[in-house]
Structure formats: structure tokens, C-alpha cells
Amino acid sequence: ELFDGLEKGQHLHDFLGLEQAIGSPWS
């Protein structure tokens, strides 16, 4: 439901971009 809501709000791409900035390898 959270992902679906974010998709409908055109916000999931940006949110996952934030998650990627935090969670992707630092090396």
C-alpha cells in the first residue's frame, strides 16, 4: 500500500533515489 501510494503520487522514484543515496555501496 505504501509503495502503491507513492507510485500514484509520482514520489516513489525520488524516494528510492534517496534510499539509494543512503544504501548503495560507499566503496
mmCIF file of all heavy atoms, coordinates in Angstrom:
data_MODEL
# 
_entry.id   MODEL 
# 
loop_
_atom_site.group_PDB 
_atom_site.id 
_atom_site.type_symbol 
_atom_site.label_atom_id 
_atom_site.label_alt_id 
_atom_site.label_comp_id 
_atom_site.label_asym_id 
_atom_site.label_entity_id 
_atom_site.label_seq_id 
_atom_site.pdbx_PDB_ins_code 
_atom_site.Cartn_x 
_atom_site.Cartn_y 
_atom_site.Cartn_z 
_atom_site.occupancy 
_atom_site.B_iso_or_equiv 
_atom_site.pdbx_formal_charge 
_atom_site.auth_seq_id 
_atom_site.auth_comp_id 
_atom_site.auth_asym_id 
_atom_site.auth_atom_id 
_atom_site.pdbx_PDB_model_num 
ATOM 1   N N   . GLU A 1 1  ? 0.834  -1.201 0.000   1.00 0.00 ? 1  GLU A N   1 
ATOM 2   C CA  . GLU A 1 1  ? 0.000  0.000  0.000   1.00 0.00 ? 1  GLU A CA  1 
ATOM 3   C C   . GLU A 1 1  ? 0.869  1.253  0.000   1.00 0.00 ? 1  GLU A C   1 
ATOM 4   O O   . GLU A 1 1  ? 0.569  2.230  -0.695  1.00 0.00 ? 1  GLU A O   1 
ATOM 5   C CB  . GLU A 1 1  ? -0.910 -0.029 1.229   1.00 0.00 ? 1  GLU A CB  1 
ATOM 6   C CG  . GLU A 1 1  ? -1.870 1.146  1.314   1.00 0.00 ? 1  GLU A CG  1 
ATOM 7   C CD  . GLU A 1 1  ? -2.749 1.083  2.557   1.00 0.00 ? 1  GLU A CD  1 
ATOM 8   O OE1 . GLU A 1 1  ? -2.627 0.109  3.312   1.00 0.00 ? 1  GLU A OE1 1 
ATOM 9   O OE2 . GLU A 1 1  ? -3.524 2.020  2.769   1.00 0.00 ? 1  GLU A OE2 1 
ATOM 10  N N   . LEU A 1 2  ? 1.951  1.209  0.772   1.00 0.00 ? 2  LEU A N   1 
ATOM 11  C CA  . LEU A 1 2  ? 2.872  2.352  0.822   1.00 0.00 ? 2  LEU A CA  1 
ATOM 12  C C   . LEU A 1 2  ? 3.490  2.600  -0.543  1.00 0.00 ? 2  LEU A C   1 
ATOM 13  O O   . LEU A 1 2  ? 3.492  3.730  -1.049  1.00 0.00 ? 2  LEU A O   1 
ATOM 14  C CB  . LEU A 1 2  ? 3.966  2.088  1.856   1.00 0.00 ? 2  LEU A CB  1 
ATOM 15  C CG  . LEU A 1 2  ? 5.121  3.102  1.916   1.00 0.00 ? 2  LEU A CG  1 
ATOM 16  C CD1 . LEU A 1 2  ? 4.626  4.478  2.319   1.00 0.00 ? 2  LEU A CD1 1 
ATOM 17  C CD2 . LEU A 1 2  ? 6.203  2.617  2.871   1.00 0.00 ? 2  LEU A CD2 1 
ATOM 18  N N   . PHE A 1 3  ? 4.003  1.538  -1.165  1.00 0.00 ? 3  PHE A N   1 
ATOM 19  C CA  . PHE A 1 3  ? 4.624  1.681  -2.482  1.00 0.00 ? 3  PHE A CA  1 
ATOM 20  C C   . PHE A 1 3  ? 3.605  2.136  -3.525  1.00 0.00 ? 3  PHE A C   1 
ATOM 21  O O   . PHE A 1 3  ? 3.907  2.980  -4.373  1.00 0.00 ? 3  PHE A O   1 
ATOM 22  C CB  . PHE A 1 3  ? 5.266  0.366  -2.910  1.00 0.00 ? 3  PHE A CB  1 
ATOM 23  C CG  . PHE A 1 3  ? 6.566  0.048  -2.202  1.00 0.00 ? 3  PHE A CG  1 
ATOM 24  C CD1 . PHE A 1 3  ? 7.252  -1.124 -2.470  1.00 0.00 ? 3  PHE A CD1 1 
ATOM 25  C CD2 . PHE A 1 3  ? 7.109  0.924  -1.276  1.00 0.00 ? 3  PHE A CD2 1 
ATOM 26  C CE1 . PHE A 1 3  ? 8.443  -1.416 -1.830  1.00 0.00 ? 3  PHE A CE1 1 
ATOM 27  C CE2 . PHE A 1 3  ? 8.294  0.644  -0.619  1.00 0.00 ? 3  PHE A CE2 1 
ATOM 28  C CZ  . PHE A 1 3  ? 8.970  -0.540 -0.899  1.00 0.00 ? 3  PHE A CZ  1 
ATOM 29  N N   . ASP A 1 4  ? 2.404  1.561  -3.475  1.00 0.00 ? 4  ASP A N   1 
ATOM 30  C CA  . ASP A 1 4  ? 1.366  1.953  -4.434  1.00 0.00 ? 4  ASP A CA  1 
ATOM 31  C C   . ASP A 1 4  ? 0.998  3.420  -4.284  1.00 0.00 ? 4  ASP A C   1 
ATOM 32  O O   . ASP A 1 4  ? 0.844  4.153  -5.264  1.00 0.00 ? 4  ASP A O   1 
ATOM 33  C CB  . ASP A 1 4  ? 0.110  1.089  -4.253  1.00 0.00 ? 4  ASP A CB  1 
ATOM 34  C CG  . ASP A 1 4  ? 0.314  -0.344 -4.742  1.00 0.00 ? 4  ASP A CG  1 
ATOM 35  O OD1 . ASP A 1 4  ? 1.301  -0.579 -5.461  1.00 0.00 ? 4  ASP A OD1 1 
ATOM 36  O OD2 . ASP A 1 4  ? -0.505 -1.212 -4.394  1.00 0.00 ? 4  ASP A OD2 1 
ATOM 37  N N   . GLY A 1 5  ? 0.887  3.858  -3.016  1.00 0.00 ? 5  GLY A N   1 
ATOM 38  C CA  . GLY A 1 5  ? 0.553  5.258  -2.761  1.00 0.00 ? 5  GLY A CA  1 
ATOM 39  C C   . GLY A 1 5  ? 1.634  6.192  -3.255  1.00 0.00 ? 5  GLY A C   1 
ATOM 40  O O   . GLY A 1 5  ? 1.355  7.253  -3.826  1.00 0.00 ? 5  GLY A O   1 
ATOM 41  N N   . LEU A 1 6  ? 2.881  5.794  -3.061  1.00 0.00 ? 6  LEU A N   1 
ATOM 42  C CA  . LEU A 1 6  ? 3.983  6.623  -3.529  1.00 0.00 ? 6  LEU A CA  1 
ATOM 43  C C   . LEU A 1 6  ? 4.023  6.661  -5.056  1.00 0.00 ? 6  LEU A C   1 
ATOM 44  O O   . LEU A 1 6  ? 4.319  7.695  -5.659  1.00 0.00 ? 6  LEU A O   1 
ATOM 45  C CB  . LEU A 1 6  ? 5.307  6.081  -2.975  1.00 0.00 ? 6  LEU A CB  1 
ATOM 46  C CG  . LEU A 1 6  ? 5.529  6.274  -1.465  1.00 0.00 ? 6  LEU A CG  1 
ATOM 47  C CD1 . LEU A 1 6  ? 6.755  5.518  -1.010  1.00 0.00 ? 6  LEU A CD1 1 
ATOM 48  C CD2 . LEU A 1 6  ? 5.660  7.745  -1.116  1.00 0.00 ? 6  LEU A CD2 1 
ATOM 49  N N   . GLU A 1 7  ? 3.737  5.510  -5.685  1.00 0.00 ? 7  GLU A N   1 
ATOM 50  C CA  . GLU A 1 7  ? 3.710  5.472  -7.147  1.00 0.00 ? 7  GLU A CA  1 
ATOM 51  C C   . GLU A 1 7  ? 2.657  6.421  -7.700  1.00 0.00 ? 7  GLU A C   1 
ATOM 52  O O   . GLU A 1 7  ? 2.900  7.177  -8.639  1.00 0.00 ? 7  GLU A O   1 
ATOM 53  C CB  . GLU A 1 7  ? 3.412  4.044  -7.629  1.00 0.00 ? 7  GLU A CB  1 
ATOM 54  C CG  . GLU A 1 7  ? 4.582  3.083  -7.467  1.00 0.00 ? 7  GLU A CG  1 
ATOM 55  C CD  . GLU A 1 7  ? 5.599  3.198  -8.576  1.00 0.00 ? 7  GLU A CD  1 
ATOM 56  O OE1 . GLU A 1 7  ? 5.554  4.188  -9.323  1.00 0.00 ? 7  GLU A OE1 1 
ATOM 57  O OE2 . GLU A 1 7  ? 6.447  2.302  -8.697  1.00 0.00 ? 7  GLU A OE2 1 
ATOM 58  N N   . LYS A 1 8  ? 1.475  6.388  -7.097  1.00 0.00 ? 8  LYS A N   1 
ATOM 59  C CA  . LYS A 1 8  ? 0.385  7.246  -7.574  1.00 0.00 ? 8  LYS A CA  1 
ATOM 60  C C   . LYS A 1 8  ? 0.727  8.716  -7.397  1.00 0.00 ? 8  LYS A C   1 
ATOM 61  O O   . LYS A 1 8  ? 0.298  9.567  -8.172  1.00 0.00 ? 8  LYS A O   1 
ATOM 62  C CB  . LYS A 1 8  ? -0.903 6.906  -6.842  1.00 0.00 ? 8  LYS A CB  1 
ATOM 63  C CG  . LYS A 1 8  ? -1.471 5.532  -7.210  1.00 0.00 ? 8  LYS A CG  1 
ATOM 64  C CD  . LYS A 1 8  ? -2.691 5.196  -6.378  1.00 0.00 ? 8  LYS A CD  1 
ATOM 65  C CE  . LYS A 1 8  ? -3.217 3.798  -6.694  1.00 0.00 ? 8  LYS A CE  1 
ATOM 66  N NZ  . LYS A 1 8  ? -4.357 3.412  -5.826  1.00 0.00 ? 8  LYS A NZ  1 
ATOM 67  N N   . GLY A 1 9  ? 1.489  9.003  -6.357  1.00 0.00 ? 9  GLY A N   1 
ATOM 68  C CA  . GLY A 1 9  ? 1.874  10.394 -6.112  1.00 0.00 ? 9  GLY A CA  1 
ATOM 69  C C   . GLY A 1 9  ? 3.127  10.806 -6.862  1.00 0.00 ? 9  GLY A C   1 
ATOM 70  O O   . GLY A 1 9  ? 3.663  11.885 -6.616  1.00 0.00 ? 9  GLY A O   1 
ATOM 71  N N   . GLN A 1 10 ? 3.620  9.930  -7.761  1.00 0.00 ? 10 GLN A N   1 
ATOM 72  C CA  . GLN A 1 10 ? 4.815  10.248 -8.547  1.00 0.00 ? 10 GLN A CA  1 
ATOM 73  C C   . GLN A 1 10 ? 6.009  10.546 -7.646  1.00 0.00 ? 10 GLN A C   1 
ATOM 74  O O   . GLN A 1 10 ? 6.871  11.354 -7.986  1.00 0.00 ? 10 GLN A O   1 
ATOM 75  C CB  . GLN A 1 10 ? 4.546  11.449 -9.476  1.00 0.00 ? 10 GLN A CB  1 
ATOM 76  C CG  . GLN A 1 10 ? 3.382  11.289 -10.416 1.00 0.00 ? 10 GLN A CG  1 
ATOM 77  C CD  . GLN A 1 10 ? 3.648  10.233 -11.476 1.00 0.00 ? 10 GLN A CD  1 
ATOM 78  O OE1 . GLN A 1 10 ? 4.707  10.216 -12.075 1.00 0.00 ? 10 GLN A OE1 1 
ATOM 79  N NE2 . GLN A 1 10 ? 2.691  9.345  -11.694 1.00 0.00 ? 10 GLN A NE2 1 
ATOM 80  N N   . HIS A 1 11 ? 6.047  9.891  -6.458  1.00 0.00 ? 11 HIS A N   1 
ATOM 81  C CA  . HIS A 1 11 ? 7.051  10.237 -5.467  1.00 0.00 ? 11 HIS A CA  1 
ATOM 82  C C   . HIS A 1 11 ? 8.007  9.077  -5.211  1.00 0.00 ? 11 HIS A C   1 
ATOM 83  O O   . HIS A 1 11 ? 9.061  9.254  -4.624  1.00 0.00 ? 11 HIS A O   1 
ATOM 84  C CB  . HIS A 1 11 ? 6.341  10.619 -4.168  1.00 0.00 ? 11 HIS A CB  1 
ATOM 85  C CG  . HIS A 1 11 ? 7.193  11.332 -3.177  1.00 0.00 ? 11 HIS A CG  1 
ATOM 86  N ND1 . HIS A 1 11 ? 8.220  12.185 -3.526  1.00 0.00 ? 11 HIS A ND1 1 
ATOM 87  C CD2 . HIS A 1 11 ? 7.177  11.314 -1.819  1.00 0.00 ? 11 HIS A CD2 1 
ATOM 88  C CE1 . HIS A 1 11 ? 8.780  12.664 -2.430  1.00 0.00 ? 11 HIS A CE1 1 
ATOM 89  N NE2 . HIS A 1 11 ? 8.186  12.144 -1.389  1.00 0.00 ? 11 HIS A NE2 1 
ATOM 90  N N   . LEU A 1 12 ? 7.638  7.867  -5.666  1.00 0.00 ? 12 LEU A N   1 
ATOM 91  C CA  . LEU A 1 12 ? 8.442  6.697  -5.335  1.00 0.00 ? 12 LEU A CA  1 
ATOM 92  C C   . LEU A 1 12 ? 9.823  6.788  -5.961  1.00 0.00 ? 12 LEU A C   1 
ATOM 93  O O   . LEU A 1 12 ? 10.822 6.405  -5.340  1.00 0.00 ? 12 LEU A O   1 
ATOM 94  C CB  . LEU A 1 12 ? 7.729  5.417  -5.784  1.00 0.00 ? 12 LEU A CB  1 
ATOM 95  C CG  . LEU A 1 12 ? 8.448  4.106  -5.437  1.00 0.00 ? 12 LEU A CG  1 
ATOM 96  C CD1 . LEU A 1 12 ? 8.647  3.981  -3.939  1.00 0.00 ? 12 LEU A CD1 1 
ATOM 97  C CD2 . LEU A 1 12 ? 7.673  2.910  -5.965  1.00 0.00 ? 12 LEU A CD2 1 
ATOM 98  N N   . HIS A 1 13 ? 9.923  7.291  -7.184  1.00 0.00 ? 13 HIS A N   1 
ATOM 99  C CA  . HIS A 1 13 ? 11.230 7.387  -7.854  1.00 0.00 ? 13 HIS A CA  1 
ATOM 100 C C   . HIS A 1 13 ? 12.194 8.241  -7.040  1.00 0.00 ? 13 HIS A C   1 
ATOM 101 O O   . HIS A 1 13 ? 13.349 7.869  -6.813  1.00 0.00 ? 13 HIS A O   1 
ATOM 102 C CB  . HIS A 1 13 ? 11.052 7.963  -9.253  1.00 0.00 ? 13 HIS A CB  1 
ATOM 103 C CG  . HIS A 1 13 ? 12.353 8.179  -9.971  1.00 0.00 ? 13 HIS A CG  1 
ATOM 104 N ND1 . HIS A 1 13 ? 13.072 7.148  -10.536 1.00 0.00 ? 13 HIS A ND1 1 
ATOM 105 C CD2 . HIS A 1 13 ? 13.073 9.315  -10.196 1.00 0.00 ? 13 HIS A CD2 1 
ATOM 106 C CE1 . HIS A 1 13 ? 14.176 7.632  -11.079 1.00 0.00 ? 13 HIS A CE1 1 
ATOM 107 N NE2 . HIS A 1 13 ? 14.196 8.934  -10.895 1.00 0.00 ? 13 HIS A NE2 1 
ATOM 108 N N   . ASP A 1 14 ? 11.708 9.403  -6.584  1.00 0.00 ? 14 ASP A N   1 
ATOM 109 C CA  . ASP A 1 14 ? 12.567 10.277 -5.782  1.00 0.00 ? 14 ASP A CA  1 
ATOM 110 C C   . ASP A 1 14 ? 12.906 9.645  -4.448  1.00 0.00 ? 14 ASP A C   1 
ATOM 111 O O   . ASP A 1 14 ? 14.040 9.745  -3.961  1.00 0.00 ? 14 ASP A O   1 
ATOM 112 C CB  . ASP A 1 14 ? 11.872 11.629 -5.559  1.00 0.00 ? 14 ASP A CB  1 
ATOM 113 C CG  . ASP A 1 14 ? 11.835 12.470 -6.825  1.00 0.00 ? 14 ASP A CG  1 
ATOM 114 O OD1 . ASP A 1 14 ? 12.670 12.229 -7.715  1.00 0.00 ? 14 ASP A OD1 1 
ATOM 115 O OD2 . ASP A 1 14 ? 10.961 13.347 -6.920  1.00 0.00 ? 14 ASP A OD2 1 
ATOM 116 N N   . PHE A 1 15 ? 11.909 8.979  -3.842  1.00 0.00 ? 15 PHE A N   1 
ATOM 117 C CA  . PHE A 1 15 ? 12.136 8.360  -2.535  1.00 0.00 ? 15 PHE A CA  1 
ATOM 118 C C   . PHE A 1 15 ? 13.176 7.252  -2.647  1.00 0.00 ? 15 PHE A C   1 
ATOM 119 O O   . PHE A 1 15 ? 14.081 7.143  -1.809  1.00 0.00 ? 15 PHE A O   1 
ATOM 120 C CB  . PHE A 1 15 ? 10.817 7.800  -1.991  1.00 0.00 ? 15 PHE A CB  1 
ATOM 121 C CG  . PHE A 1 15 ? 10.977 7.060  -0.686  1.00 0.00 ? 15 PHE A CG  1 
ATOM 122 C CD1 . PHE A 1 15 ? 11.231 7.735  0.483   1.00 0.00 ? 15 PHE A CD1 1 
ATOM 123 C CD2 . PHE A 1 15 ? 10.889 5.673  -0.649  1.00 0.00 ? 15 PHE A CD2 1 
ATOM 124 C CE1 . PHE A 1 15 ? 11.388 7.059  1.685   1.00 0.00 ? 15 PHE A CE1 1 
ATOM 125 C CE2 . PHE A 1 15 ? 11.044 4.983  0.542   1.00 0.00 ? 15 PHE A CE2 1 
ATOM 126 C CZ  . PHE A 1 15 ? 11.289 5.685  1.707   1.00 0.00 ? 15 PHE A CZ  1 
ATOM 127 N N   . LEU A 1 16 ? 13.072 6.434  -3.681  1.00 0.00 ? 16 LEU A N   1 
ATOM 128 C CA  . LEU A 1 16 ? 14.049 5.369  -3.867  1.00 0.00 ? 16 LEU A CA  1 
ATOM 129 C C   . LEU A 1 16 ? 15.411 5.941  -4.241  1.00 0.00 ? 16 LEU A C   1 
ATOM 130 O O   . LEU A 1 16 ? 16.449 5.337  -3.951  1.00 0.00 ? 16 LEU A O   1 
ATOM 131 C CB  . LEU A 1 16 ? 13.560 4.384  -4.931  1.00 0.00 ? 16 LEU A CB  1 
ATOM 132 C CG  . LEU A 1 16 ? 12.331 3.560  -4.532  1.00 0.00 ? 16 LEU A CG  1 
ATOM 133 C CD1 . LEU A 1 16 ? 11.927 2.628  -5.665  1.00 0.00 ? 16 LEU A CD1 1 
ATOM 134 C CD2 . LEU A 1 16 ? 12.602 2.766  -3.261  1.00 0.00 ? 16 LEU A CD2 1 
ATOM 135 N N   . GLY A 1 17 ? 15.428 7.119  -4.871  1.00 0.00 ? 17 GLY A N   1 
ATOM 136 C CA  . GLY A 1 17 ? 16.697 7.782  -5.129  1.00 0.00 ? 17 GLY A CA  1 
ATOM 137 C C   . GLY A 1 17 ? 17.375 8.182  -3.823  1.00 0.00 ? 17 GLY A C   1 
ATOM 138 O O   . GLY A 1 17 ? 18.594 8.087  -3.683  1.00 0.00 ? 17 GLY A O   1 
ATOM 139 N N   . LEU A 1 18 ? 16.573 8.612  -2.847  1.00 0.00 ? 18 LEU A N   1 
ATOM 140 C CA  . LEU A 1 18 ? 17.107 8.939  -1.524  1.00 0.00 ? 18 LEU A CA  1 
ATOM 141 C C   . LEU A 1 18 ? 17.620 7.679  -0.850  1.00 0.00 ? 18 LEU A C   1 
ATOM 142 O O   . LEU A 1 18 ? 18.707 7.666  -0.264  1.00 0.00 ? 18 LEU A O   1 
ATOM 143 C CB  . LEU A 1 18 ? 16.018 9.601  -0.677  1.00 0.00 ? 18 LEU A CB  1 
ATOM 144 C CG  . LEU A 1 18 ? 16.372 9.897  0.789   1.00 0.00 ? 18 LEU A CG  1 
ATOM 145 C CD1 . LEU A 1 18 ? 17.557 10.851 0.877   1.00 0.00 ? 18 LEU A CD1 1 
ATOM 146 C CD2 . LEU A 1 18 ? 15.165 10.485 1.512   1.00 0.00 ? 18 LEU A CD2 1 
ATOM 147 N N   . GLU A 1 19 ? 16.837 6.588  -0.940  1.00 0.00 ? 19 GLU A N   1 
ATOM 148 C CA  . GLU A 1 19 ? 17.245 5.321  -0.333  1.00 0.00 ? 19 GLU A CA  1 
ATOM 149 C C   . GLU A 1 19 ? 18.533 4.819  -0.970  1.00 0.00 ? 19 GLU A C   1 
ATOM 150 O O   . GLU A 1 19 ? 19.416 4.293  -0.304  1.00 0.00 ? 19 GLU A O   1 
ATOM 151 C CB  . GLU A 1 19 ? 16.114 4.300  -0.495  1.00 0.00 ? 19 GLU A CB  1 
ATOM 152 C CG  . GLU A 1 19 ? 16.334 3.001  0.286   1.00 0.00 ? 19 GLU A CG  1 
ATOM 153 C CD  . GLU A 1 19 ? 17.196 2.012  -0.479  1.00 0.00 ? 19 GLU A CD  1 
ATOM 154 O OE1 . GLU A 1 19 ? 17.184 2.048  -1.721  1.00 0.00 ? 19 GLU A OE1 1 
ATOM 155 O OE2 . GLU A 1 19 ? 17.904 1.220  0.152   1.00 0.00 ? 19 GLU A OE2 1 
ATOM 156 N N   . GLN A 1 20 ? 18.675 5.020  -2.291  1.00 0.00 ? 20 GLN A N   1 
ATOM 157 C CA  . GLN A 1 20 ? 19.880 4.588  -2.987  1.00 0.00 ? 20 GLN A CA  1 
ATOM 158 C C   . GLN A 1 20 ? 21.086 5.406  -2.532  1.00 0.00 ? 20 GLN A C   1 
ATOM 159 O O   . GLN A 1 20 ? 22.188 4.875  -2.380  1.00 0.00 ? 20 GLN A O   1 
ATOM 160 C CB  . GLN A 1 20 ? 19.694 4.722  -4.491  1.00 0.00 ? 20 GLN A CB  1 
ATOM 161 C CG  . GLN A 1 20 ? 20.897 4.236  -5.295  1.00 0.00 ? 20 GLN A CG  1 
ATOM 162 C CD  . GLN A 1 20 ? 20.690 4.373  -6.791  1.00 0.00 ? 20 GLN A CD  1 
ATOM 163 O OE1 . GLN A 1 20 ? 19.658 4.866  -7.237  1.00 0.00 ? 20 GLN A OE1 1 
ATOM 164 N NE2 . GLN A 1 20 ? 21.662 3.947  -7.561  1.00 0.00 ? 20 GLN A NE2 1 
ATOM 165 N N   . ALA A 1 21 ? 20.899 6.708  -2.323  1.00 0.00 ? 21 ALA A N   1 
ATOM 166 C CA  . ALA A 1 21 ? 21.998 7.554  -1.852  1.00 0.00 ? 21 ALA A CA  1 
ATOM 167 C C   . ALA A 1 21 ? 22.505 7.089  -0.496  1.00 0.00 ? 21 ALA A C   1 
ATOM 168 O O   . ALA A 1 21 ? 23.693 7.189  -0.188  1.00 0.00 ? 21 ALA A O   1 
ATOM 169 C CB  . ALA A 1 21 ? 21.544 9.011  -1.773  1.00 0.00 ? 21 ALA A CB  1 
ATOM 170 N N   . ILE A 1 22 ? 21.593 6.546  0.323   1.00 0.00 ? 22 ILE A N   1 
ATOM 171 C CA  . ILE A 1 22 ? 21.967 6.087  1.656   1.00 0.00 ? 22 ILE A CA  1 
ATOM 172 C C   . ILE A 1 22 ? 22.500 4.662  1.608   1.00 0.00 ? 22 ILE A C   1 
ATOM 173 O O   . ILE A 1 22 ? 23.514 4.341  2.237   1.00 0.00 ? 22 ILE A O   1 
ATOM 174 C CB  . ILE A 1 22 ? 20.750 6.160  2.610   1.00 0.00 ? 22 ILE A CB  1 
ATOM 175 C CG1 . ILE A 1 22 ? 20.298 7.618  2.771   1.00 0.00 ? 22 ILE A CG1 1 
ATOM 176 C CG2 . ILE A 1 22 ? 21.077 5.546  3.963   1.00 0.00 ? 22 ILE A CG2 1 
ATOM 177 C CD1 . ILE A 1 22 ? 18.971 7.770  3.493   1.00 0.00 ? 22 ILE A CD1 1 
ATOM 178 N N   . GLY A 1 23 ? 21.802 3.790  0.883   1.00 0.00 ? 23 GLY A N   1 
ATOM 179 C CA  . GLY A 1 23 ? 22.067 2.367  0.996   1.00 0.00 ? 23 GLY A CA  1 
ATOM 180 C C   . GLY A 1 23 ? 22.987 1.762  -0.026  1.00 0.00 ? 23 GLY A C   1 
ATOM 181 O O   . GLY A 1 23 ? 23.408 0.615  0.128   1.00 0.00 ? 23 GLY A O   1 
ATOM 182 N N   . SER A 1 24 ? 23.342 2.478  -1.091  1.00 0.00 ? 24 SER A N   1 
ATOM 183 C CA  . SER A 1 24 ? 24.232 1.889  -2.094  1.00 0.00 ? 24 SER A CA  1 
ATOM 184 C C   . SER A 1 24 ? 25.656 1.838  -1.537  1.00 0.00 ? 24 SER A C   1 
ATOM 185 O O   . SER A 1 24 ? 26.001 2.560  -0.602  1.00 0.00 ? 24 SER A O   1 
ATOM 186 C CB  . SER A 1 24 ? 24.190 2.714  -3.382  1.00 0.00 ? 24 SER A CB  1 
ATOM 187 O OG  . SER A 1 24 ? 24.605 4.040  -3.139  1.00 0.00 ? 24 SER A OG  1 
ATOM 188 N N   . PRO A 1 25 ? 26.497 0.951  -2.100  1.00 0.00 ? 25 PRO A N   1 
ATOM 189 C CA  . PRO A 1 25 ? 27.863 0.797  -1.574  1.00 0.00 ? 25 PRO A CA  1 
ATOM 190 C C   . PRO A 1 25 ? 28.620 2.116  -1.525  1.00 0.00 ? 25 PRO A C   1 
ATOM 191 O O   . PRO A 1 25 ? 28.548 2.918  -2.448  1.00 0.00 ? 25 PRO A O   1 
ATOM 192 C CB  . PRO A 1 25 ? 28.495 -0.186 -2.573  1.00 0.00 ? 25 PRO A CB  1 
ATOM 193 C CG  . PRO A 1 25 ? 27.345 -0.941 -3.138  1.00 0.00 ? 25 PRO A CG  1 
ATOM 194 C CD  . PRO A 1 25 ? 26.214 0.037  -3.211  1.00 0.00 ? 25 PRO A CD  1 
ATOM 195 N N   . TRP A 1 26 ? 29.335 2.327  -0.443  1.00 0.00 ? 26 TRP A N   1 
ATOM 196 C CA  . TRP A 1 26 ? 30.116 3.551  -0.277  1.00 0.00 ? 26 TRP A CA  1 
ATOM 197 C C   . TRP A 1 26 ? 31.518 3.401  -0.835  1.00 0.00 ? 26 TRP A C   1 
ATOM 198 O O   . TRP A 1 26 ? 32.314 4.330  -0.807  1.00 0.00 ? 26 TRP A O   1 
ATOM 199 C CB  . TRP A 1 26 ? 30.173 3.940  1.208   1.00 0.00 ? 26 TRP A CB  1 
ATOM 200 C CG  . TRP A 1 26 ? 28.891 4.536  1.697   1.00 0.00 ? 26 TRP A CG  1 
ATOM 201 C CD1 . TRP A 1 26 ? 27.648 3.993  1.612   1.00 0.00 ? 26 TRP A CD1 1 
ATOM 202 C CD2 . TRP A 1 26 ? 28.725 5.799  2.335   1.00 0.00 ? 26 TRP A CD2 1 
ATOM 203 N NE1 . TRP A 1 26 ? 26.714 4.828  2.161   1.00 0.00 ? 26 TRP A NE1 1 
ATOM 204 C CE2 . TRP A 1 26 ? 27.345 5.958  2.625   1.00 0.00 ? 26 TRP A CE2 1 
ATOM 205 C CE3 . TRP A 1 26 ? 29.598 6.811  2.712   1.00 0.00 ? 26 TRP A CE3 1 
ATOM 206 C CZ2 . TRP A 1 26 ? 26.837 7.079  3.256   1.00 0.00 ? 26 TRP A CZ2 1 
ATOM 207 C CZ3 . TRP A 1 26 ? 29.088 7.932  3.351   1.00 0.00 ? 26 TRP A CZ3 1 
ATOM 208 C CH2 . TRP A 1 26 ? 27.711 8.059  3.612   1.00 0.00 ? 26 TRP A CH2 1 
ATOM 209 N N   . SER A 1 27 ? 31.851 2.231  -1.301  1.00 0.00 ? 27 SER A N   1 
ATOM 210 C CA  . SER A 1 27 ? 33.156 1.988  -1.886  1.00 0.00 ? 27 SER A CA  1 
ATOM 211 C C   . SER A 1 27 ? 32.980 1.606  -3.350  1.00 0.00 ? 27 SER A C   1 
ATOM 212 O O   . SER A 1 27 ? 32.021 0.920  -3.711  1.00 0.00 ? 27 SER A O   1 
ATOM 213 C CB  . SER A 1 27 ? 33.875 0.850  -1.140  1.00 0.00 ? 27 SER A CB  1 
ATOM 214 O OG  . SER A 1 27 ? 35.045 0.458  -1.829  1.00 0.00 ? 27 SER A OG  1 
# 
